[in-house]
Structure formats: C-alpha cells, structure tokens
Amino acid sequence: MTALGKVRRTLFGIPSEKAVFSRPGFMKEAWLRFQPVAHALVEGYHATLEDSRFSVLIPRLEAVEPEFRGFAYEGAGMGLAALDIMAPWKNRVQEFVEGPAAHHIYPIYVGVGLALARLHRLPEKFFPRLDPLLCWVVVDGYGFHEGFFAWKRTVERKVVPAHFSSYAIRLFDQGLGRCLWFASGALVDRVAALISTFPPQRQIDLWSGVGLASSFAGGAERGELELLRTTAARFRLQLARGAAVAAQGHQDAGHHSAHTELACQVYCGLSSAQAAHIIEEVRKDLPTHAKEPTYEIWRQRTQEQFALELGRRK
C-alpha cells in the first residue's frame, strides 16, 4: 500500500461490511446469503484506494474467486470514479474499461454509480466520460446506493432524486430493485411485498432489477426462483431480460455461473449461453440518433425477442 493509499483508505474506507447489511429495512437473511458479495465489493473498493495503478490493481481483483470477481470489479469502479471526481483532469474509469478491465464494464459502471451517489453528483453529467450506450448503467448503480443508504427516503417515502430525467428515474428504479433483492435476503414474499407498495408504473423497472440481481448474485434455489417467476408473472419479460444481462456479464468475464444458468432456465426457458446470445444479437445495428435513448431501444428489443421465445414454448 502506498502512503497516499493509506490516507485514502483511512478517509474513505468502509469500516464494516456487516453494518451496511444491518441498516433499517434489511432482513437478517441479507447478510447470511450475500456476505461473500459484500466482501468482494468492499475488497475491490479498498484495493483501488490503496493503489489504483492497474498493474497492481488487476492482479488483486483477479485473485478474487470467479463467482464474486464481478463484484470486486464493481468496487474498483466505485473507487476509480471517486478518484476521478476528486481529480477531474483524469479519466481512470474509461482507461480501465478500454484496457485491462474491458470484460467487466457492466459491474464497473454500476460501481461508478455508487460513487456518484455517495459524492452527491448527478450521473448524467458524468456521461461524456463513459461509453455512450452503457453510460446509463451508472444510474442503476446510483439507485442501488440510495436504496441501501437512504432507505426511509427512497423505499418508505418513495422519493426520487431531483433533477433526474424521466428516463434516468427508470434506471434508478432498476438499481433500486436490485437493492430490494439484497435487502430482502432473497425472500420472495418480502421483495414482492416491498415492490407492491410502489406505484404500478415504477414496479416494471423494480422487477427488472430483481431479475438482474437474482440472476447475477444468486441467493435463491430453483423453487424460490420459480415462486418469484409466478409472483411476478406480469413482469416475466423484465425478469428474462435481467437474467440475460447477468448471463452476458458472466460470459464476458469468461465465467460460467451455476445460479445464472438456473435463473436463465427459470425466467427465459433457455440456457445462459442462449440468453446471452439473444442480448448480443439485438444489440447489433442500434440507432445512434433516436428520440429514445439507445439503451432503452436495446432493452425493448431484448424483451420483444424474449416475448417471441417464450411464446414458442407455450
């Protein structure tokens, strides 16, 4: 650890992973089921604060068990974004995803969103520094953070950030949905009860986040995922798309996840490889100038394709 790294770790480090999962609204099962996820994320974040040189950072991240390595890169994204905000003449994040961490761009961008929320920065102002398609992922990370650290305002009072665009609020809700999956300890009845308290229009993206989190992070067995699919039957396409995004993330990282494979079978009726292939195919020839964000067109195309796939299997 460098001398500067020691100062950063002292000033900005996370003192207790477990304390984060002991906040109001969190079930005891949250820590029991997701401790390794939390540990990997915090390890990646602290590693970045301690020494952000890629030659040092990458081996530390790659030493994390493959199942949780994406979360370590998410923590690294959080750390690099925080450093970029403090030194805006640098762009470590984009150098990272255009170089040695290209295979983990999605979780890194989620981590960027965590940093932006923590430092009270508007995510859309950060977009010019990021990939023009995937930049919206940082808003997902922002929503996840606010669910974790501002539960009463975000979950109980249903407040959305001021100055967010209408589409940014949708991605904020997707991140919030991921948070609800973790906070509920992957208990289906609990997460369904929480989402039911939100206005119907917001539930669409909240369930999208649940689909992504339950597929990428796991935490549930087949019976629980089948119960979730039944409980959220009206949002089956959102669950399927979330599973496909998780499958693509693991595939890009060169890792086969058993719980992502299971989620794809339950939500999509496909293998994780087939689900990831769909999301890549519909990404081709996306318009760059349209009324809707390109990212939303990609999401809609994915859901339309899954509607066809699920229709064939009836």
Protein backbone atom coordinates (compact mmCIF):
# COMPACT_ATOMS: atom_id res chain seq x y z
CA MET A 1 0.00 0.00 0.00
CA THR A 2 1.36 3.44 -0.91
CA ALA A 3 1.49 6.29 1.60
CA LEU A 4 -1.25 8.03 -0.37
CA GLY A 5 -3.22 4.78 -0.36
CA LYS A 6 -3.10 4.67 3.42
CA VAL A 7 -4.55 8.16 3.60
CA ARG A 8 -7.30 7.32 1.11
CA ARG A 9 -8.19 4.11 2.95
CA THR A 10 -8.35 5.97 6.28
CA LEU A 11 -10.52 8.78 4.92
CA PHE A 12 -12.79 6.93 2.52
CA GLY A 13 -12.70 3.25 3.50
CA ILE A 14 -15.77 1.27 4.54
CA PRO A 15 -15.26 0.28 8.19
CA SER A 16 -17.78 -2.57 8.43
CA GLU A 17 -19.40 -4.59 5.66
CA LYS A 18 -21.84 -6.19 8.07
CA ALA A 19 -23.00 -2.82 9.39
CA VAL A 20 -24.20 -1.92 5.88
CA PHE A 21 -26.45 -5.01 5.94
CA SER A 22 -27.76 -4.17 9.41
CA ARG A 23 -29.47 -0.96 8.38
CA PRO A 24 -33.24 -0.40 8.76
CA GLY A 25 -35.28 -2.40 6.26
CA PHE A 26 -32.76 -5.22 5.86
CA MET A 27 -33.69 -8.79 6.73
CA LYS A 28 -31.23 -10.90 8.71
CA GLU A 29 -31.04 -13.26 5.72
CA ALA A 30 -29.43 -10.48 3.68
CA TRP A 31 -26.07 -10.85 5.40
CA LEU A 32 -26.32 -14.62 5.63
CA ARG A 33 -26.91 -15.03 1.90
CA PHE A 34 -24.84 -12.18 0.48
CA GLN A 35 -21.81 -11.84 2.74
CA PRO A 36 -19.37 -13.02 0.01
CA VAL A 37 -20.81 -10.49 -2.42
CA ALA A 38 -20.39 -7.63 0.04
CA HIS A 39 -16.88 -8.74 0.93
CA ALA A 40 -15.76 -8.89 -2.71
CA LEU A 41 -17.15 -5.44 -3.50
CA VAL A 42 -15.52 -3.84 -0.47
CA GLU A 43 -12.24 -5.61 -1.21
CA GLY A 44 -12.24 -4.22 -4.74
CA TYR A 45 -13.03 -0.74 -3.49
CA HIS A 46 -10.33 -0.79 -0.82
CA ALA A 47 -7.77 -2.25 -3.22
CA THR A 48 -8.36 0.70 -5.54
CA LEU A 49 -8.00 3.26 -2.76
CA GLU A 50 -4.78 1.61 -1.61
CA ASP A 51 -3.13 1.53 -5.04
CA SER A 52 -5.00 2.43 -8.22
CA ARG A 53 -2.19 1.57 -10.62
CA PHE A 54 -3.65 -1.01 -12.98
CA SER A 55 -0.53 -3.16 -12.83
CA VAL A 56 -1.13 -3.56 -9.10
CA LEU A 57 -4.92 -3.45 -9.05
CA ILE A 58 -5.72 -6.06 -11.72
CA PRO A 59 -3.86 -8.96 -10.03
CA ARG A 60 -5.66 -8.20 -6.75
CA LEU A 61 -9.05 -8.24 -8.46
CA GLU A 62 -8.26 -11.37 -10.44
CA ALA A 63 -7.32 -13.15 -7.20
CA VAL A 64 -10.97 -12.99 -6.09
CA GLU A 65 -12.95 -16.18 -6.60
CA PRO A 66 -14.51 -16.15 -10.11
CA GLU A 67 -18.08 -16.32 -8.76
CA PHE A 68 -17.61 -12.99 -6.98
CA ARG A 69 -14.98 -11.34 -9.15
CA GLY A 70 -17.51 -9.13 -10.91
CA PHE A 71 -18.38 -7.56 -7.56
CA ALA A 72 -14.69 -6.87 -6.90
CA TYR A 73 -14.57 -5.01 -10.21
CA GLU A 74 -17.72 -3.15 -9.19
CA GLY A 75 -15.88 -1.99 -6.07
CA ALA A 76 -12.94 -0.97 -8.23
CA GLY A 77 -15.28 1.06 -10.44
CA MET A 78 -16.55 2.82 -7.35
CA GLY A 79 -13.03 3.61 -6.20
CA LEU A 80 -11.77 4.79 -9.59
CA ALA A 81 -14.81 7.02 -10.10
CA ALA A 82 -14.30 8.60 -6.67
CA LEU A 83 -10.67 9.31 -7.58
CA ASP A 84 -11.72 10.77 -10.94
CA ILE A 85 -14.21 13.06 -9.24
CA MET A 86 -11.50 14.32 -6.90
CA ALA A 87 -9.07 14.72 -9.82
CA PRO A 88 -11.37 15.52 -12.80
CA TRP A 89 -8.47 16.02 -15.21
CA LYS A 90 -8.04 12.24 -15.14
CA ASN A 91 -10.33 9.54 -16.55
CA ARG A 92 -9.18 6.35 -14.86
CA VAL A 93 -12.58 4.71 -15.29
CA GLN A 94 -12.61 4.83 -19.06
CA GLU A 95 -8.94 3.91 -19.30
CA PHE A 96 -9.79 0.89 -17.16
CA VAL A 97 -12.74 -0.35 -19.25
CA GLU A 98 -10.99 0.38 -22.54
CA GLY A 99 -7.94 -1.52 -21.34
CA PRO A 100 -7.39 -4.34 -18.85
CA ALA A 101 -10.96 -4.44 -17.47
CA ALA A 102 -12.97 -4.40 -20.70
CA HIS A 103 -14.52 -7.77 -19.80
CA HIS A 104 -16.14 -6.28 -16.67
CA ILE A 105 -17.52 -2.99 -18.00
CA TYR A 106 -21.08 -3.51 -16.69
CA PRO A 107 -20.21 -4.02 -12.99
CA ILE A 108 -17.57 -1.28 -13.20
CA TYR A 109 -20.19 1.19 -14.41
CA VAL A 110 -22.50 0.09 -11.60
CA GLY A 111 -19.65 0.93 -9.24
CA VAL A 112 -19.31 4.34 -10.86
CA GLY A 113 -22.95 4.96 -9.98
CA LEU A 114 -22.28 4.02 -6.36
CA ALA A 115 -19.52 6.64 -6.20
CA LEU A 116 -21.63 9.34 -7.85
CA ALA A 117 -24.44 8.77 -5.37
CA ARG A 118 -22.06 8.72 -2.43
CA LEU A 119 -20.47 12.01 -3.52
CA HIS A 120 -23.82 13.59 -4.50
CA ARG A 121 -23.01 14.07 -8.18
CA LEU A 122 -25.56 13.95 -10.99
CA PRO A 123 -24.86 10.84 -13.07
CA GLU A 124 -25.93 12.30 -16.40
CA LYS A 125 -23.23 14.98 -16.11
CA PHE A 126 -20.69 12.15 -15.94
CA PHE A 127 -21.92 10.52 -19.18
CA PRO A 128 -19.50 12.29 -21.58
CA ARG A 129 -16.66 10.41 -19.86
CA LEU A 130 -18.27 7.00 -20.50
CA ASP A 131 -19.38 4.60 -23.22
CA PRO A 132 -22.35 6.25 -25.00
CA LEU A 133 -24.53 3.11 -24.85
CA LEU A 134 -23.72 1.71 -21.41
CA CYS A 135 -23.43 5.06 -19.61
CA TRP A 136 -27.00 4.59 -18.34
CA VAL A 137 -25.80 1.70 -16.19
CA VAL A 138 -24.30 4.19 -13.75
CA VAL A 139 -27.82 5.39 -12.90
CA ASP A 140 -28.66 1.80 -11.92
CA GLY A 141 -25.72 1.90 -9.52
CA TYR A 142 -26.95 5.23 -8.15
CA GLY A 143 -30.40 3.76 -7.42
CA PHE A 144 -28.85 0.75 -5.71
CA HIS A 145 -26.83 3.02 -3.44
CA GLU A 146 -29.82 5.15 -2.48
CA GLY A 147 -31.84 2.08 -1.56
CA PHE A 148 -29.05 0.89 0.71
CA PHE A 149 -28.13 4.17 2.37
CA ALA A 150 -31.32 6.24 2.17
CA TRP A 151 -33.95 3.56 2.86
CA LYS A 152 -36.53 5.76 4.55
CA ARG A 153 -36.43 8.42 1.84
CA THR A 154 -36.11 6.08 -1.14
CA VAL A 155 -38.11 2.99 -0.17
CA GLU A 156 -40.53 4.15 2.52
CA ARG A 157 -41.30 7.66 1.22
CA LYS A 158 -40.74 6.74 -2.47
CA VAL A 159 -38.74 9.91 -3.18
CA VAL A 160 -36.83 10.02 -6.46
CA PRO A 161 -33.80 12.28 -7.00
CA ALA A 162 -34.49 15.83 -8.05
CA HIS A 163 -33.07 16.95 -11.40
CA PHE A 164 -33.11 13.41 -12.85
CA SER A 165 -34.58 12.99 -16.33
CA SER A 166 -37.66 10.81 -16.65
CA TYR A 167 -35.60 8.04 -18.22
CA ALA A 168 -32.90 8.29 -15.57
CA ILE A 169 -35.58 7.61 -12.96
CA ARG A 170 -36.38 4.34 -14.73
CA LEU A 171 -32.77 3.17 -14.46
CA PHE A 172 -32.69 4.46 -10.89
CA ASP A 173 -35.63 2.13 -10.18
CA GLN A 174 -33.85 -0.80 -11.77
CA GLY A 175 -30.96 -0.27 -9.38
CA LEU A 176 -33.38 0.14 -6.51
CA GLY A 177 -34.98 -3.18 -7.47
CA ARG A 178 -31.57 -4.84 -7.21
CA CYS A 179 -31.19 -3.34 -3.76
CA LEU A 180 -34.57 -4.71 -2.69
CA TRP A 181 -33.47 -8.22 -3.66
CA PHE A 182 -30.39 -7.93 -1.45
CA ALA A 183 -32.18 -6.16 1.41
CA SER A 184 -34.93 -8.77 1.46
CA GLY A 185 -32.34 -11.53 1.82
CA ALA A 186 -33.71 -13.09 -1.41
CA LEU A 187 -37.01 -13.83 0.33
CA VAL A 188 -39.56 -13.73 -2.47
CA ASP A 189 -42.55 -12.77 -0.34
CA ARG A 190 -40.60 -9.92 1.21
CA VAL A 191 -39.35 -8.44 -2.06
CA ALA A 192 -42.82 -8.77 -3.63
CA ALA A 193 -44.40 -7.00 -0.66
CA LEU A 194 -41.91 -4.15 -0.91
CA ILE A 195 -42.44 -3.66 -4.64
CA SER A 196 -46.23 -3.75 -4.24
CA THR A 197 -46.05 -0.53 -2.21
CA PHE A 198 -44.71 1.40 -5.23
CA PRO A 199 -46.88 2.95 -7.97
CA PRO A 200 -47.64 0.40 -10.73
CA GLN A 201 -45.55 2.19 -13.35
CA ARG A 202 -42.45 2.06 -11.17
CA GLN A 203 -42.87 -1.65 -10.49
CA ILE A 204 -41.83 -2.52 -14.05
CA ASP A 205 -38.24 -1.38 -13.60
CA LEU A 206 -38.08 -2.53 -9.97
CA TRP A 207 -38.82 -6.08 -11.12
CA SER A 208 -36.24 -5.68 -13.88
CA GLY A 209 -33.68 -5.03 -11.16
CA VAL A 210 -34.84 -8.07 -9.19
CA GLY A 211 -34.43 -10.21 -12.30
CA LEU A 212 -30.86 -8.98 -12.76
CA ALA A 213 -29.84 -9.30 -9.11
CA SER A 214 -31.38 -12.73 -8.57
CA SER A 215 -29.61 -13.97 -11.71
CA PHE A 216 -26.19 -12.38 -11.28
CA ALA A 217 -25.78 -12.53 -7.50
CA GLY A 218 -27.96 -15.57 -6.82
CA GLY A 219 -29.17 -16.18 -3.30
CA ALA A 220 -32.14 -18.40 -4.19
CA GLU A 221 -32.76 -22.03 -5.09
CA ARG A 222 -34.84 -23.27 -8.05
CA GLY A 223 -38.08 -23.42 -6.05
CA GLU A 224 -37.65 -19.84 -4.89
CA LEU A 225 -36.93 -18.60 -8.40
CA GLU A 226 -39.99 -20.43 -9.70
CA LEU A 227 -42.06 -18.81 -6.96
CA LEU A 228 -40.65 -15.43 -7.96
CA ARG A 229 -41.50 -16.08 -11.61
CA THR A 230 -45.08 -16.92 -10.60
CA THR A 231 -45.37 -13.98 -8.20
CA ALA A 232 -44.11 -11.54 -10.83
CA ALA A 233 -45.84 -13.20 -13.78
CA ARG A 234 -46.84 -9.84 -15.29
CA PHE A 235 -43.17 -8.87 -15.37
CA ARG A 236 -41.79 -12.09 -16.84
CA LEU A 237 -40.10 -10.25 -19.71
CA GLN A 238 -38.29 -7.95 -17.29
CA LEU A 239 -37.09 -10.97 -15.33
CA ALA A 240 -35.92 -12.64 -18.54
CA ARG A 241 -34.02 -9.58 -19.68
CA GLY A 242 -32.36 -9.26 -16.29
CA ALA A 243 -31.24 -12.88 -16.48
CA ALA A 244 -29.86 -12.34 -19.98
CA VAL A 245 -27.85 -9.30 -18.84
CA ALA A 246 -26.43 -11.38 -15.98
CA ALA A 247 -25.58 -14.19 -18.40
CA GLN A 248 -23.82 -11.80 -20.74
CA GLY A 249 -21.84 -10.33 -17.85
CA HIS A 250 -20.57 -13.70 -16.69
CA GLN A 251 -19.89 -14.79 -20.27
CA ASP A 252 -17.85 -11.64 -20.99
CA ALA A 253 -15.81 -12.40 -17.87
CA GLY A 254 -15.20 -15.96 -19.07
CA HIS A 255 -17.05 -17.46 -16.13
CA HIS A 256 -19.95 -19.91 -16.07
CA SER A 257 -22.23 -19.27 -13.10
CA ALA A 258 -24.46 -22.10 -11.91
CA HIS A 259 -27.05 -19.78 -10.38
CA THR A 260 -27.15 -17.62 -13.52
CA GLU A 261 -27.66 -20.77 -15.58
CA LEU A 262 -30.53 -21.74 -13.29
CA ALA A 263 -32.12 -18.29 -13.47
CA CYS A 264 -31.99 -18.29 -17.27
CA GLN A 265 -33.70 -21.68 -17.35
CA VAL A 266 -36.44 -20.49 -14.98
CA TYR A 267 -37.01 -16.96 -16.35
CA CYS A 268 -36.13 -17.41 -20.04
CA GLY A 269 -36.63 -21.10 -20.72
CA LEU A 270 -33.13 -21.03 -22.21
CA SER A 271 -29.56 -21.77 -21.23
CA SER A 272 -27.41 -18.87 -20.09
CA ALA A 273 -25.41 -19.11 -23.34
CA GLN A 274 -28.61 -18.84 -25.40
CA ALA A 275 -29.88 -15.91 -23.32
CA ALA A 276 -26.57 -14.06 -23.66
CA HIS A 277 -26.59 -14.69 -27.42
CA ILE A 278 -30.01 -13.05 -27.74
CA ILE A 279 -28.94 -9.92 -25.92
CA GLU A 280 -25.86 -9.64 -28.14
CA GLU A 281 -27.82 -10.20 -31.36
CA VAL A 282 -30.37 -7.49 -30.63
CA ARG A 283 -27.55 -5.07 -29.86
CA LYS A 284 -26.49 -5.07 -33.50
CA ASP A 285 -27.33 -2.02 -35.62
CA LEU A 286 -28.81 0.01 -32.78
CA PRO A 287 -29.72 3.54 -33.93
CA THR A 288 -27.46 6.29 -32.65
CA HIS A 289 -29.90 9.13 -33.23
CA ALA A 290 -33.41 8.46 -31.99
CA LYS A 291 -35.99 10.06 -29.72
CA GLU A 292 -35.44 7.34 -27.12
CA PRO A 293 -32.05 6.59 -25.55
CA THR A 294 -30.25 3.86 -27.45
CA TYR A 295 -30.00 1.87 -24.24
CA GLU A 296 -33.80 1.78 -23.96
CA ILE A 297 -34.14 0.62 -27.56
CA TRP A 298 -31.76 -2.20 -26.70
CA ARG A 299 -33.85 -3.10 -23.64
CA GLN A 300 -37.08 -3.09 -25.67
CA ARG A 301 -35.61 -5.22 -28.44
CA THR A 302 -34.41 -7.74 -25.87
CA GLN A 303 -37.84 -8.01 -24.29
CA GLU A 304 -39.52 -8.35 -27.68
CA GLN A 305 -37.21 -11.22 -28.56
CA PHE A 306 -37.91 -12.96 -25.28
CA ALA A 307 -41.64 -12.50 -25.85
CA LEU A 308 -41.21 -14.44 -29.09
CA GLU A 309 -39.07 -17.11 -27.44
CA LEU A 310 -41.46 -17.63 -24.54
CA GLY A 311 -44.40 -17.65 -26.94
CA ARG A 312 -42.86 -20.53 -28.88
CA ARG A 313 -42.56 -22.56 -25.69
CA LYS A 314 -46.21 -22.34 -24.68
